[in-house]
Amino acid sequence: MAGNSFGEAFRFTTWGESHGPAIGCVIDGCPPGIPLDAAVDLQPYLDKRRPGTSRFVTQRREPDEAKILSGVFEGRTTGTPIAVIIENTDQRSRDYSEISRQYRPGHADFAYDAKYGVGVRDYRGGGRSSARETAMRVAAGAVARKVLNSILGPTFSVRGSVVQIGKDQIDRANWDWNEVEQNPFFCPDREAARRWETLVDSARKDGSSLGAILEVVAEGIPAGLGEPIYGKLDSDVAAALMSINAVKGVEIGDGFASASKRGEDAHDAMRPSNSGGVAFDTNYAGGVLGGISTGQPLVARFAVKPTSSILIPRPSVDADGKAIEVRTKGRHDPCVGIRAAPIGEAMLAVVLLDHLIRQRGLRGSEWPSLDQSRG
């Protein structure tokens, strides 16, 4: 069945289950000649996403060591498919034996049985629907970043952060990207990160969970990426972020807040720049107009629901239609949104490279230049 691949000109396909022997991906469309090393270029991003890094995430212990099986020769990409594999080493499948025919509220159990048939679903750790799959998105995103950096140079960056857990939001006046690397929440506000320790600890001790809102920002991208109708840059970004497990909402720029503004307060005023081009006074649009990048920072936010696996008993039904009460065992994130920051970064990088390659095909042999950017 289709549905395991993402992208067009730059495309990746993931495979594997949470408790299978391994997970992996095949990346197609990577240009040849790009230096690529799993330990240097992939592992740092995988280490940010991997479980067991703090008490605020699942205690499953996975090294998530990536191995490149193909598409790289003598340290450089060959232009052929890049296969990456990560072995699963810390499965505890016995934790899930009781729910083999139960439908856990908030999970994909019922929906999978409805699609594939009762008895087919791999119930161990959620199988294919597990957030374990997202490790391969991070691997694919790491390859995309490497290519983007080689084309766009040091001014390009993709960064993600958690801006809200539960009802507690950051103070944007305290925003410091350096803080994101200094706390286990990927939080740009030091004071908020301190509050979240108590907040997440409390939810975990209660056997419950919390949701989160994350923000991803891409800077140093050229103007002109995206399509005017179908295949808009912002619609592809939204699709990429919406495809991440547990994501229930996406917005670009001001997003839903735009609806409460008047026109003169919602549009980004333009003026001549010192270089003779166009400069924007604000970035309410999040770096996209008419589905096409403006050269400003691309800003997107996405909402992650509370982790569905909780210890509090919840009413449900089983595969026979009988009323039951479900209490999910195992090791789970009290706030799965915490580890979504590197995943959001990866998916945004994939979309940007995909559109960069497509734009090159439209305009000719040269890569789109940052000289086209306006800001």
Protein backbone atom coordinates (compact mmCIF):
# COMPACT_ATOMS: atom_id res chain seq x y z
CA MET A 1 0.00 0.00 0.00
CA ALA A 2 1.04 3.59 -0.60
CA GLY A 3 1.36 6.08 2.22
CA ASN A 4 4.86 5.36 3.51
CA SER A 5 6.68 7.95 1.39
CA PHE A 6 6.94 11.74 1.49
CA GLY A 7 8.22 14.26 -1.04
CA GLU A 8 8.53 14.51 -4.82
CA ALA A 9 11.95 15.49 -6.18
CA PHE A 10 13.52 14.70 -2.80
CA ARG A 11 11.65 11.75 -1.33
CA PHE A 12 12.00 9.33 1.53
CA THR A 13 10.21 6.12 2.45
CA THR A 14 10.23 4.69 5.97
CA TRP A 15 9.74 1.10 7.06
CA GLY A 16 9.69 -0.95 10.26
CA GLU A 17 7.73 -1.26 13.49
CA SER A 18 8.33 -0.16 17.07
CA HIS A 19 9.15 -3.67 18.32
CA GLY A 20 10.50 -5.18 15.12
CA PRO A 21 14.19 -5.96 14.67
CA ALA A 22 14.92 -2.60 13.02
CA ILE A 23 13.51 0.54 11.46
CA GLY A 24 14.83 2.21 8.36
CA CYS A 25 14.33 4.55 5.44
CA VAL A 26 15.27 4.90 1.79
CA ILE A 27 16.07 8.44 0.63
CA ASP A 28 15.85 9.20 -3.09
CA GLY A 29 16.68 12.38 -4.96
CA CYS A 30 19.79 13.39 -3.03
CA PRO A 31 22.25 15.13 -5.37
CA PRO A 32 25.60 13.38 -5.91
CA GLY A 33 28.89 14.55 -4.46
CA ILE A 34 27.62 15.68 -1.05
CA PRO A 35 29.94 14.64 1.84
CA LEU A 36 27.89 12.44 4.16
CA ASP A 37 28.89 10.53 7.29
CA ALA A 38 26.36 8.84 9.57
CA ALA A 39 28.22 9.61 12.80
CA VAL A 40 28.86 13.26 11.93
CA ASP A 41 25.83 14.29 9.89
CA LEU A 42 22.99 12.07 11.13
CA GLN A 43 23.74 11.00 14.68
CA PRO A 44 23.67 14.42 16.40
CA TYR A 45 20.06 14.97 15.29
CA LEU A 46 19.04 11.42 16.19
CA ASP A 47 20.56 11.88 19.63
CA LYS A 48 18.29 14.90 20.19
CA ARG A 49 15.18 12.83 19.42
CA ARG A 50 16.11 9.50 21.01
CA PRO A 51 14.33 8.20 24.12
CA GLY A 52 15.78 7.88 27.61
CA THR A 53 17.63 11.21 27.63
CA SER A 54 15.86 12.63 30.72
CA ARG A 55 13.15 11.79 33.23
CA PHE A 56 10.71 13.87 31.19
CA VAL A 57 10.62 11.41 28.27
CA THR A 58 10.08 7.67 27.83
CA GLN A 59 12.68 5.54 29.59
CA ARG A 60 13.04 3.13 26.69
CA ARG A 61 16.79 2.92 26.13
CA GLU A 62 17.67 3.02 22.44
CA PRO A 63 21.06 4.19 21.16
CA ASP A 64 19.45 4.94 17.77
CA GLU A 65 22.75 4.36 16.01
CA ALA A 66 22.25 5.02 12.32
CA LYS A 67 24.03 2.97 9.65
CA ILE A 68 24.15 3.97 5.99
CA LEU A 69 23.84 0.91 3.78
CA SER A 70 23.86 2.43 0.31
CA GLY A 71 24.08 5.61 -1.72
CA VAL A 72 27.41 6.76 -0.27
CA PHE A 73 30.83 5.86 -1.68
CA GLU A 74 34.14 7.08 -0.33
CA GLY A 75 32.34 9.51 1.93
CA ARG A 76 30.18 11.19 -0.72
CA THR A 77 26.66 10.67 -1.99
CA THR A 78 26.43 8.95 -5.36
CA GLY A 79 22.99 10.21 -6.39
CA THR A 80 21.51 6.74 -5.94
CA PRO A 81 19.07 5.80 -3.14
CA ILE A 82 20.47 6.20 0.37
CA ALA A 83 19.37 3.44 2.73
CA VAL A 84 19.61 4.05 6.48
CA ILE A 85 18.91 1.50 9.20
CA ILE A 86 18.58 1.67 12.99
CA GLU A 87 18.37 -1.53 15.01
CA ASN A 88 15.84 -1.76 17.85
CA THR A 89 17.56 -2.98 21.01
CA ASP A 90 15.29 -2.30 24.01
CA GLN A 91 11.83 -3.64 23.22
CA ARG A 92 9.58 -4.93 26.00
CA SER A 93 6.80 -6.51 23.98
CA ARG A 94 5.34 -8.28 27.03
CA ASP A 95 4.02 -4.90 28.20
CA TYR A 96 1.51 -5.00 25.34
CA SER A 97 0.24 -8.59 25.43
CA GLU A 98 -2.97 -7.60 27.22
CA ILE A 99 -4.03 -5.09 24.58
CA SER A 100 -3.69 -7.32 21.51
CA ARG A 101 -7.47 -7.18 21.01
CA GLN A 102 -8.21 -3.99 22.91
CA TYR A 103 -8.69 -0.52 21.48
CA ARG A 104 -6.77 2.04 23.51
CA PRO A 105 -8.50 5.45 23.53
CA GLY A 106 -6.54 8.06 21.58
CA HIS A 107 -4.50 5.42 19.74
CA ALA A 108 -4.77 4.14 16.18
CA ASP A 109 -5.75 0.61 17.29
CA PHE A 110 -9.38 0.77 16.13
CA ALA A 111 -8.54 2.69 12.96
CA TYR A 112 -5.82 0.15 11.98
CA ASP A 113 -8.21 -2.77 12.46
CA ALA A 114 -10.82 -0.95 10.39
CA LYS A 115 -8.30 -0.44 7.58
CA TYR A 116 -6.29 -3.67 7.53
CA GLY A 117 -8.59 -6.16 9.26
CA VAL A 118 -8.91 -7.45 12.83
CA GLY A 119 -5.96 -9.60 13.88
CA VAL A 120 -3.49 -8.12 11.37
CA ARG A 121 -2.30 -5.18 13.47
CA ASP A 122 1.09 -5.34 15.20
CA TYR A 123 0.01 -4.21 18.67
CA ARG A 124 3.50 -4.22 20.21
CA GLY A 125 4.24 -0.62 21.13
CA GLY A 126 1.81 0.59 18.51
CA GLY A 127 3.67 -1.15 15.69
CA ARG A 128 3.83 1.04 12.63
CA SER A 129 1.81 3.83 14.27
CA SER A 130 4.41 4.27 17.01
CA ALA A 131 6.43 7.48 17.30
CA ARG A 132 9.44 5.17 16.87
CA GLU A 133 8.98 5.67 13.12
CA THR A 134 9.91 9.34 13.47
CA ALA A 135 13.57 8.48 14.05
CA MET A 136 13.80 7.78 10.34
CA ARG A 137 12.24 11.13 9.51
CA VAL A 138 15.02 12.73 11.52
CA ALA A 139 17.59 10.72 9.54
CA ALA A 140 16.06 11.84 6.24
CA GLY A 141 15.91 15.41 7.50
CA ALA A 142 19.58 15.27 8.44
CA VAL A 143 20.46 14.36 4.85
CA ALA A 144 18.26 17.19 3.60
CA ARG A 145 19.99 19.65 5.94
CA LYS A 146 23.39 18.56 4.69
CA VAL A 147 22.37 19.26 1.10
CA LEU A 148 20.69 22.56 1.99
CA ASN A 149 23.76 23.74 3.89
CA SER A 150 26.00 22.86 0.95
CA ILE A 151 23.78 24.82 -1.46
CA LEU A 152 22.64 27.78 0.65
CA GLY A 153 25.69 28.17 2.87
CA PRO A 154 26.10 29.07 6.54
CA THR A 155 23.23 31.58 6.58
CA PHE A 156 20.74 28.71 6.26
CA SER A 157 19.32 27.15 9.42
CA VAL A 158 16.31 25.15 10.59
CA ARG A 159 15.56 25.36 14.31
CA GLY A 160 12.73 24.09 16.46
CA SER A 161 11.57 24.74 20.00
CA VAL A 162 8.73 23.96 22.38
CA VAL A 163 6.77 27.13 23.13
CA GLN A 164 3.98 25.70 25.28
CA ILE A 165 3.36 22.64 27.45
CA GLY A 166 -0.16 22.15 28.70
CA LYS A 167 -1.51 25.64 29.34
CA ASP A 168 1.88 27.13 30.22
CA GLN A 169 3.36 29.31 27.45
CA ILE A 170 6.80 30.83 27.14
CA ASP A 171 7.39 34.57 27.45
CA ARG A 172 8.57 35.58 23.98
CA ALA A 173 10.45 38.50 25.48
CA ASN A 174 12.78 35.88 26.99
CA TRP A 175 13.39 34.05 23.69
CA ASP A 176 16.98 32.81 23.43
CA TRP A 177 17.86 30.15 20.86
CA ASN A 178 20.94 29.23 22.90
CA GLU A 179 18.65 28.13 25.74
CA VAL A 180 17.08 25.44 23.54
CA GLU A 181 20.21 23.32 23.87
CA GLN A 182 20.52 23.92 27.62
CA ASN A 183 17.34 22.22 28.90
CA PRO A 184 15.51 18.93 28.26
CA PHE A 185 12.42 20.68 26.83
CA PHE A 186 13.95 22.39 23.77
CA CYS A 187 12.62 25.57 25.37
CA PRO A 188 13.93 29.05 24.40
CA ASP A 189 12.76 30.56 27.71
CA ARG A 190 14.82 29.55 30.75
CA GLU A 191 12.12 30.47 33.25
CA ALA A 192 9.45 28.49 31.42
CA ALA A 193 11.73 25.45 31.27
CA ARG A 194 12.08 25.56 35.07
CA ARG A 195 8.30 25.69 35.49
CA TRP A 196 7.84 22.80 33.08
CA GLU A 197 9.94 20.48 35.24
CA THR A 198 7.29 20.59 37.95
CA LEU A 199 4.45 20.53 35.43
CA VAL A 200 5.62 17.42 33.58
CA ASP A 201 6.70 15.64 36.76
CA SER A 202 3.23 16.16 38.19
CA ALA A 203 1.49 14.73 35.12
CA ARG A 204 3.82 11.72 35.09
CA LYS A 205 3.24 10.98 38.78
CA ASP A 206 -0.51 11.19 38.19
CA GLY A 207 -0.20 8.60 35.42
CA SER A 208 -1.40 11.21 32.91
CA SER A 209 0.17 13.25 30.13
CA LEU A 210 0.35 16.74 28.59
CA GLY A 211 0.21 18.26 25.13
CA ALA A 212 2.56 20.83 23.62
CA ILE A 213 2.92 23.47 20.92
CA LEU A 214 6.16 23.69 18.96
CA GLU A 215 7.59 26.30 16.62
CA VAL A 216 10.00 25.61 13.76
CA VAL A 217 11.83 28.37 11.91
CA ALA A 218 13.85 28.19 8.69
CA GLU A 219 16.15 31.11 7.87
CA GLY A 220 18.40 31.86 4.93
CA ILE A 221 16.08 30.43 2.26
CA PRO A 222 15.64 32.04 -1.15
CA ALA A 223 12.47 33.70 -2.38
CA GLY A 224 10.50 31.88 -5.06
CA LEU A 225 10.13 28.38 -3.60
CA GLY A 226 6.70 26.81 -3.86
CA GLU A 227 3.83 26.60 -6.33
CA PRO A 228 1.04 29.17 -6.72
CA ILE A 229 -1.93 26.79 -6.50
CA TYR A 230 -1.33 23.11 -5.74
CA GLY A 231 1.97 22.23 -4.09
CA LYS A 232 2.15 25.54 -2.25
CA LEU A 233 5.15 25.74 0.03
CA ASP A 234 3.01 26.38 3.11
CA SER A 235 0.55 23.60 2.25
CA ASP A 236 3.42 21.13 1.89
CA VAL A 237 4.91 22.32 5.19
CA ALA A 238 1.51 21.86 6.82
CA ALA A 239 1.19 18.35 5.36
CA ALA A 240 4.70 17.46 6.54
CA LEU A 241 4.11 18.61 10.10
CA MET A 242 0.57 17.20 10.23
CA SER A 243 1.94 13.78 9.29
CA ILE A 244 3.96 13.61 12.52
CA ASN A 245 2.41 11.30 15.12
CA ALA A 246 -0.01 13.00 17.55
CA VAL A 247 -0.04 16.33 15.71
CA LYS A 248 -3.55 17.81 15.64
CA GLY A 249 -3.02 21.30 14.23
CA VAL A 250 -0.59 23.39 12.14
CA GLU A 251 -0.35 27.11 11.45
CA ILE A 252 1.98 29.24 9.32
CA GLY A 253 3.02 32.69 10.52
CA ASP A 254 0.23 34.27 12.55
CA GLY A 255 -2.05 31.40 11.55
CA PHE A 256 -5.39 31.40 13.37
CA ALA A 257 -4.59 34.70 15.08
CA SER A 258 -4.87 36.36 11.65
CA ALA A 259 -8.63 35.90 11.75
CA SER A 260 -8.97 38.32 14.66
CA LYS A 261 -7.05 41.16 12.97
CA ARG A 262 -8.05 43.94 10.61
CA GLY A 263 -6.42 43.98 7.19
CA GLU A 264 -4.03 46.85 7.91
CA ASP A 265 -2.80 44.99 10.99
CA ALA A 266 -2.39 41.61 9.30
CA HIS A 267 -0.42 42.46 6.13
CA ASP A 268 3.36 42.75 5.99
CA ALA A 269 4.15 46.26 4.75
CA MET A 270 6.87 46.47 2.09
CA ARG A 271 9.44 49.15 1.35
CA PRO A 272 12.57 49.52 -0.79
CA SER A 273 15.59 47.82 0.70
CA ASN A 274 19.06 49.29 0.80
CA SER A 275 20.09 46.85 -1.94
CA GLY A 276 17.37 48.09 -4.28
CA GLY A 277 15.04 45.15 -3.69
CA VAL A 278 12.12 44.70 -1.35
CA ALA A 279 12.15 44.70 2.44
CA PHE A 280 9.33 43.68 4.80
CA ASP A 281 8.61 45.50 8.04
CA THR A 282 6.96 42.46 9.66
CA ASN A 283 6.51 38.73 9.03
CA TYR A 284 2.90 37.96 9.90
CA ALA A 285 2.69 35.72 6.82
CA GLY A 286 5.46 33.47 8.14
CA GLY A 287 7.66 33.86 5.07
CA VAL A 288 5.12 32.64 2.49
CA LEU A 289 2.82 34.64 0.17
CA GLY A 290 0.60 32.96 -2.39
CA GLY A 291 2.20 29.62 -1.57
CA ILE A 292 5.68 30.93 -2.50
CA SER A 293 8.56 31.86 -0.19
CA THR A 294 9.40 35.55 0.24
CA GLY A 295 12.94 35.07 1.50
CA GLN A 296 11.89 35.93 5.05
CA PRO A 297 12.14 33.35 7.84
CA LEU A 298 9.60 30.57 7.34
CA VAL A 299 7.75 30.18 10.63
CA ALA A 300 5.38 27.31 11.44
CA ARG A 301 3.81 26.00 14.63
CA PHE A 302 2.20 22.67 15.35
CA ALA A 303 0.15 21.30 18.23
CA VAL A 304 0.84 17.86 19.70
CA LYS A 305 -1.90 16.20 21.73
CA PRO A 306 -1.23 14.64 25.15
CA THR A 307 0.39 11.22 24.96
CA SER A 308 -2.41 8.66 24.50
CA SER A 309 -0.69 5.98 26.62
CA ILE A 310 -1.59 6.77 30.23
CA LEU A 311 -1.95 4.78 33.44
CA ILE A 312 -5.36 6.20 34.29
CA PRO A 313 -8.04 3.61 33.37
CA ARG A 314 -10.24 4.73 30.47
CA PRO A 315 -13.46 3.18 29.08
CA SER A 316 -13.23 1.55 25.67
CA VAL A 317 -14.20 -1.57 23.71
CA ASP A 318 -12.33 -4.62 22.45
CA ALA A 319 -12.21 -6.20 19.00
CA ASP A 320 -15.37 -8.18 19.85
CA GLY A 321 -17.30 -5.00 20.64
CA LYS A 322 -17.41 -5.62 24.40
CA ALA A 323 -17.11 -2.77 26.88
CA ILE A 324 -13.77 -2.78 28.69
CA GLU A 325 -11.51 -0.53 30.74
CA VAL A 326 -8.01 0.12 29.40
CA ARG A 327 -4.93 1.05 31.40
CA THR A 328 -1.84 1.26 29.17
CA LYS A 329 1.34 -0.29 30.56
CA GLY A 330 4.87 0.24 29.28
CA ARG A 331 7.29 3.15 29.10
CA HIS A 332 5.81 6.28 27.63
CA ASP A 333 6.48 10.01 27.28
CA PRO A 334 4.53 12.11 29.78
CA CYS A 335 4.65 14.79 27.05
CA VAL A 336 5.45 13.31 23.64
CA GLY A 337 5.64 16.82 22.20
CA ILE A 338 9.00 17.41 23.89
CA ARG A 339 10.84 15.12 21.49
CA ALA A 340 8.95 16.49 18.46
CA ALA A 341 11.26 19.50 18.03
CA PRO A 342 13.95 17.66 16.01
CA ILE A 343 11.20 15.87 14.07
CA GLY A 344 9.59 19.16 13.07
CA GLU A 345 12.99 20.50 12.03
CA ALA A 346 13.59 17.41 9.90
CA MET A 347 10.25 17.56 8.10
CA LEU A 348 10.69 21.27 7.35
CA ALA A 349 14.17 20.60 5.93
CA VAL A 350 12.80 17.85 3.69
CA VAL A 351 10.09 20.15 2.29
CA LEU A 352 12.56 22.96 1.64
CA LEU A 353 15.03 20.76 -0.22
CA ASP A 354 12.22 19.18 -2.22
CA HIS A 355 11.03 22.61 -3.36
CA LEU A 356 14.57 23.87 -3.97
CA ILE A 357 15.23 20.98 -6.37
CA ARG A 358 11.86 21.52 -8.07
CA GLN A 359 12.60 25.21 -8.49
CA ARG A 360 15.95 24.39 -10.06
CA GLY A 361 14.15 22.24 -12.59
CA LEU A 362 11.73 25.09 -13.37
CA ARG A 363 14.29 27.87 -13.74
CA GLY A 364 17.24 25.99 -15.23
CA SER A 365 20.46 24.36 -14.14
CA GLU A 366 21.46 26.85 -11.46
CA TRP A 367 20.38 26.56 -7.85
CA PRO A 368 18.07 29.39 -6.70
CA SER A 369 20.23 32.17 -5.33
CA LEU A 370 19.92 33.82 -1.96
CA ASP A 371 20.30 37.06 -3.92
CA GLN A 372 16.64 36.54 -4.82
CA SER A 373 15.70 36.73 -1.14
CA ARG A 374 13.93 39.77 0.20
CA GLY A 375 13.92 40.80 3.83
